[in-house]
Amino acid sequence: MQKQNFSQTVVKNAQFYGLNLYEVNFILYHGKRSKASKGGYLYSAVGRNFDKLDHLKGTHLFYDPKSSTVISIFKNKNFKIKN
């Protein structure tokens, strides 16, 4: 994966949730990836990589691979995607 850019919203919200950008990158590398609309991806902090990292659980990122930018970050432990 190449170098990521972060939108200003992501930087602000990561600070609000008590995360640093290294942890956001960790979610990008180890999170569960799902297809989102318009060619983007949704990365979720779930699975065995996050068992000991309770503060990351429930964190989700929207990523645009065309511009290599993390667009949005939010937390929701009960997040479900309906197909």
N, C-alpha and C. Protein backbone atom coordinates (compact mmCIF):
# COMPACT_ATOMS: atom_id res chain seq x y z
N MET A 1 0.85 -1.17 0.00
CA MET A 1 0.00 0.00 0.00
C MET A 1 0.90 1.24 0.00
N GLN A 2 0.51 2.24 -0.73
CA GLN A 2 1.32 3.45 -0.83
C GLN A 2 1.02 4.43 0.28
N LYS A 3 1.72 5.54 0.28
CA LYS A 3 1.54 6.56 1.31
C LYS A 3 0.12 7.13 1.23
N GLN A 4 -0.51 7.26 2.41
CA GLN A 4 -1.87 7.77 2.47
C GLN A 4 -1.87 9.25 2.83
N ASN A 5 -2.86 9.93 2.32
CA ASN A 5 -3.14 11.30 2.72
C ASN A 5 -4.35 11.26 3.65
N PHE A 6 -4.45 12.25 4.51
CA PHE A 6 -5.57 12.32 5.43
C PHE A 6 -6.28 13.64 5.23
N SER A 7 -7.61 13.57 5.13
CA SER A 7 -8.37 14.81 5.02
C SER A 7 -8.33 15.53 6.37
N GLN A 8 -8.65 16.82 6.35
CA GLN A 8 -8.65 17.59 7.60
C GLN A 8 -9.68 17.06 8.58
N THR A 9 -10.77 16.54 8.07
CA THR A 9 -11.81 15.97 8.92
C THR A 9 -11.28 14.75 9.67
N VAL A 10 -10.51 13.92 8.98
CA VAL A 10 -9.97 12.72 9.62
C VAL A 10 -9.00 13.09 10.73
N VAL A 11 -8.14 14.06 10.48
CA VAL A 11 -7.17 14.48 11.50
C VAL A 11 -7.90 15.02 12.73
N LYS A 12 -8.93 15.83 12.50
CA LYS A 12 -9.71 16.41 13.60
C LYS A 12 -10.47 15.33 14.37
N ASN A 13 -11.14 14.42 13.65
CA ASN A 13 -11.92 13.38 14.31
C ASN A 13 -11.04 12.34 15.00
N ALA A 14 -9.87 12.06 14.45
CA ALA A 14 -8.95 11.13 15.11
C ALA A 14 -8.52 11.69 16.46
N GLN A 15 -8.26 12.97 16.53
CA GLN A 15 -7.92 13.60 17.81
C GLN A 15 -9.11 13.54 18.76
N PHE A 16 -10.31 13.74 18.24
CA PHE A 16 -11.52 13.68 19.06
C PHE A 16 -11.69 12.29 19.68
N TYR A 17 -11.41 11.23 18.90
CA TYR A 17 -11.54 9.85 19.37
C TYR A 17 -10.31 9.37 20.13
N GLY A 18 -9.29 10.20 20.27
CA GLY A 18 -8.09 9.81 21.00
C GLY A 18 -7.16 8.91 20.23
N LEU A 19 -7.17 9.02 18.91
CA LEU A 19 -6.31 8.19 18.05
C LEU A 19 -5.23 9.05 17.43
N ASN A 20 -4.08 8.45 17.15
CA ASN A 20 -3.08 9.16 16.37
C ASN A 20 -3.05 8.58 14.96
N LEU A 21 -2.33 9.20 14.07
CA LEU A 21 -2.35 8.78 12.67
C LEU A 21 -1.66 7.44 12.45
N TYR A 22 -0.77 7.03 13.36
CA TYR A 22 -0.18 5.69 13.27
C TYR A 22 -1.25 4.62 13.49
N GLU A 23 -2.16 4.89 14.41
CA GLU A 23 -3.25 3.94 14.66
C GLU A 23 -4.23 3.91 13.49
N VAL A 24 -4.45 5.03 12.84
CA VAL A 24 -5.29 5.06 11.65
C VAL A 24 -4.64 4.23 10.54
N ASN A 25 -3.32 4.36 10.37
CA ASN A 25 -2.61 3.53 9.40
C ASN A 25 -2.70 2.05 9.75
N PHE A 26 -2.64 1.72 11.04
CA PHE A 26 -2.76 0.33 11.49
C PHE A 26 -4.10 -0.26 11.06
N ILE A 27 -5.16 0.54 11.19
CA ILE A 27 -6.48 0.08 10.76
C ILE A 27 -6.50 -0.15 9.25
N LEU A 28 -5.83 0.71 8.49
CA LEU A 28 -5.78 0.54 7.04
C LEU A 28 -5.06 -0.74 6.64
N TYR A 29 -4.00 -1.08 7.35
CA TYR A 29 -3.23 -2.27 7.00
C TYR A 29 -3.86 -3.56 7.51
N HIS A 30 -4.48 -3.52 8.70
CA HIS A 30 -4.95 -4.75 9.34
C HIS A 30 -6.46 -4.85 9.48
N GLY A 31 -7.19 -3.82 9.11
CA GLY A 31 -8.64 -3.84 9.26
C GLY A 31 -9.34 -4.65 8.19
N LYS A 32 -10.59 -4.99 8.47
CA LYS A 32 -11.41 -5.70 7.50
C LYS A 32 -11.86 -4.72 6.42
N ARG A 33 -11.65 -5.08 5.16
CA ARG A 33 -11.98 -4.19 4.05
C ARG A 33 -13.28 -4.61 3.39
N SER A 34 -14.15 -3.64 3.19
CA SER A 34 -15.42 -3.86 2.49
C SER A 34 -15.53 -2.84 1.37
N LYS A 35 -16.21 -3.23 0.31
CA LYS A 35 -16.41 -2.33 -0.82
C LYS A 35 -17.46 -1.29 -0.47
N ALA A 36 -17.14 -0.04 -0.78
CA ALA A 36 -18.09 1.05 -0.58
C ALA A 36 -18.48 1.61 -1.95
N SER A 37 -19.37 2.57 -1.97
CA SER A 37 -19.84 3.12 -3.23
C SER A 37 -18.76 3.96 -3.91
N LYS A 38 -18.88 4.12 -5.20
CA LYS A 38 -18.00 4.95 -6.04
C LYS A 38 -16.55 4.51 -6.00
N GLY A 39 -16.30 3.21 -5.80
CA GLY A 39 -14.94 2.69 -5.86
C GLY A 39 -14.14 2.83 -4.59
N GLY A 40 -14.74 3.28 -3.51
CA GLY A 40 -14.03 3.44 -2.25
C GLY A 40 -14.08 2.17 -1.41
N TYR A 41 -13.41 2.20 -0.29
CA TYR A 41 -13.39 1.06 0.62
C TYR A 41 -13.71 1.53 2.03
N LEU A 42 -14.34 0.63 2.79
CA LEU A 42 -14.61 0.85 4.20
C LEU A 42 -13.73 -0.12 4.96
N TYR A 43 -12.86 0.40 5.82
CA TYR A 43 -12.00 -0.42 6.67
C TYR A 43 -12.54 -0.40 8.07
N SER A 44 -12.65 -1.58 8.69
CA SER A 44 -13.21 -1.69 10.03
C SER A 44 -12.21 -2.34 10.97
N ALA A 45 -12.13 -1.84 12.19
CA ALA A 45 -11.21 -2.39 13.19
C ALA A 45 -11.89 -3.53 13.92
N VAL A 46 -11.93 -4.70 13.27
CA VAL A 46 -12.50 -5.91 13.86
C VAL A 46 -11.54 -7.06 13.59
N GLY A 47 -11.66 -8.12 14.39
CA GLY A 47 -10.85 -9.30 14.17
C GLY A 47 -9.76 -9.48 15.21
N ARG A 48 -8.95 -10.50 15.01
CA ARG A 48 -7.95 -10.87 16.01
C ARG A 48 -6.82 -9.87 16.15
N ASN A 49 -6.57 -9.06 15.13
CA ASN A 49 -5.53 -8.04 15.24
C ASN A 49 -5.88 -6.95 16.23
N PHE A 50 -7.15 -6.84 16.59
CA PHE A 50 -7.60 -5.76 17.46
C PHE A 50 -8.08 -6.26 18.82
N ASP A 51 -7.80 -7.53 19.16
CA ASP A 51 -8.25 -8.09 20.43
C ASP A 51 -7.67 -7.34 21.63
N LYS A 52 -6.40 -6.95 21.56
CA LYS A 52 -5.75 -6.28 22.69
C LYS A 52 -5.80 -4.76 22.56
N LEU A 53 -6.41 -4.25 21.51
CA LEU A 53 -6.48 -2.81 21.27
C LEU A 53 -7.93 -2.34 21.40
N ASP A 54 -8.42 -2.32 22.63
CA ASP A 54 -9.83 -2.00 22.87
C ASP A 54 -10.22 -0.61 22.40
N HIS A 55 -9.30 0.34 22.47
CA HIS A 55 -9.64 1.70 22.08
C HIS A 55 -9.82 1.85 20.56
N LEU A 56 -9.36 0.85 19.78
CA LEU A 56 -9.55 0.89 18.32
C LEU A 56 -10.80 0.17 17.87
N LYS A 57 -11.34 -0.71 18.70
CA LYS A 57 -12.51 -1.50 18.30
C LYS A 57 -13.68 -0.58 17.98
N GLY A 58 -14.36 -0.89 16.90
CA GLY A 58 -15.51 -0.10 16.50
C GLY A 58 -15.16 1.11 15.65
N THR A 59 -13.89 1.27 15.28
CA THR A 59 -13.47 2.39 14.45
C THR A 59 -13.57 1.99 12.98
N HIS A 60 -14.12 2.87 12.16
CA HIS A 60 -14.30 2.61 10.73
C HIS A 60 -13.73 3.78 9.94
N LEU A 61 -13.14 3.45 8.78
CA LEU A 61 -12.54 4.46 7.91
C LEU A 61 -13.10 4.32 6.51
N PHE A 62 -13.35 5.44 5.86
CA PHE A 62 -13.63 5.44 4.43
C PHE A 62 -12.37 5.86 3.70
N TYR A 63 -11.97 5.07 2.70
CA TYR A 63 -10.71 5.28 1.99
C TYR A 63 -10.97 5.34 0.49
N ASP A 64 -10.38 6.33 -0.17
CA ASP A 64 -10.48 6.48 -1.62
C ASP A 64 -9.16 6.04 -2.25
N PRO A 65 -9.12 4.89 -2.93
CA PRO A 65 -7.85 4.41 -3.49
C PRO A 65 -7.35 5.23 -4.68
N LYS A 66 -8.23 5.94 -5.35
CA LYS A 66 -7.80 6.73 -6.51
C LYS A 66 -6.91 7.89 -6.09
N SER A 67 -7.26 8.53 -4.99
CA SER A 67 -6.46 9.66 -4.51
C SER A 67 -5.61 9.30 -3.30
N SER A 68 -5.66 8.03 -2.86
CA SER A 68 -4.93 7.55 -1.68
C SER A 68 -5.21 8.40 -0.46
N THR A 69 -6.49 8.70 -0.24
CA THR A 69 -6.89 9.58 0.84
C THR A 69 -7.88 8.88 1.77
N VAL A 70 -7.66 9.02 3.06
CA VAL A 70 -8.64 8.60 4.05
C VAL A 70 -9.63 9.75 4.18
N ILE A 71 -10.88 9.49 3.82
CA ILE A 71 -11.88 10.55 3.71
C ILE A 71 -12.59 10.81 5.03
N SER A 72 -12.93 9.75 5.74
CA SER A 72 -13.74 9.92 6.93
C SER A 72 -13.40 8.83 7.94
N ILE A 73 -13.61 9.15 9.22
CA ILE A 73 -13.40 8.19 10.30
C ILE A 73 -14.57 8.34 11.27
N PHE A 74 -15.06 7.21 11.78
CA PHE A 74 -16.13 7.26 12.77
C PHE A 74 -16.07 6.02 13.64
N LYS A 75 -16.74 6.07 14.78
CA LYS A 75 -16.79 4.94 15.69
C LYS A 75 -18.24 4.50 15.85
N ASN A 76 -18.45 3.18 15.76
CA ASN A 76 -19.75 2.59 15.98
C ASN A 76 -19.53 1.11 16.16
N LYS A 77 -19.69 0.60 17.38
CA LYS A 77 -19.41 -0.81 17.65
C LYS A 77 -20.46 -1.74 17.09
N ASN A 78 -21.65 -1.24 16.81
CA ASN A 78 -22.75 -2.09 16.30
C ASN A 78 -23.05 -1.77 14.83
N PHE A 79 -22.05 -1.39 14.08
CA PHE A 79 -22.23 -0.98 12.69
C PHE A 79 -22.50 -2.19 11.81
N LYS A 80 -23.57 -2.13 11.02
CA LYS A 80 -23.92 -3.21 10.10
C LYS A 80 -24.11 -2.64 8.71
N ILE A 81 -23.64 -3.37 7.70
CA ILE A 81 -23.84 -2.97 6.31
C ILE A 81 -24.93 -3.85 5.73
N LYS A 82 -25.94 -3.21 5.18
CA LYS A 82 -27.03 -3.96 4.53
C LYS A 82 -26.77 -3.99 3.04
N ASN A 83 -26.81 -5.16 2.47
CA ASN A 83 -26.60 -5.32 1.01
C ASN A 83 -27.90 -5.35 0.27
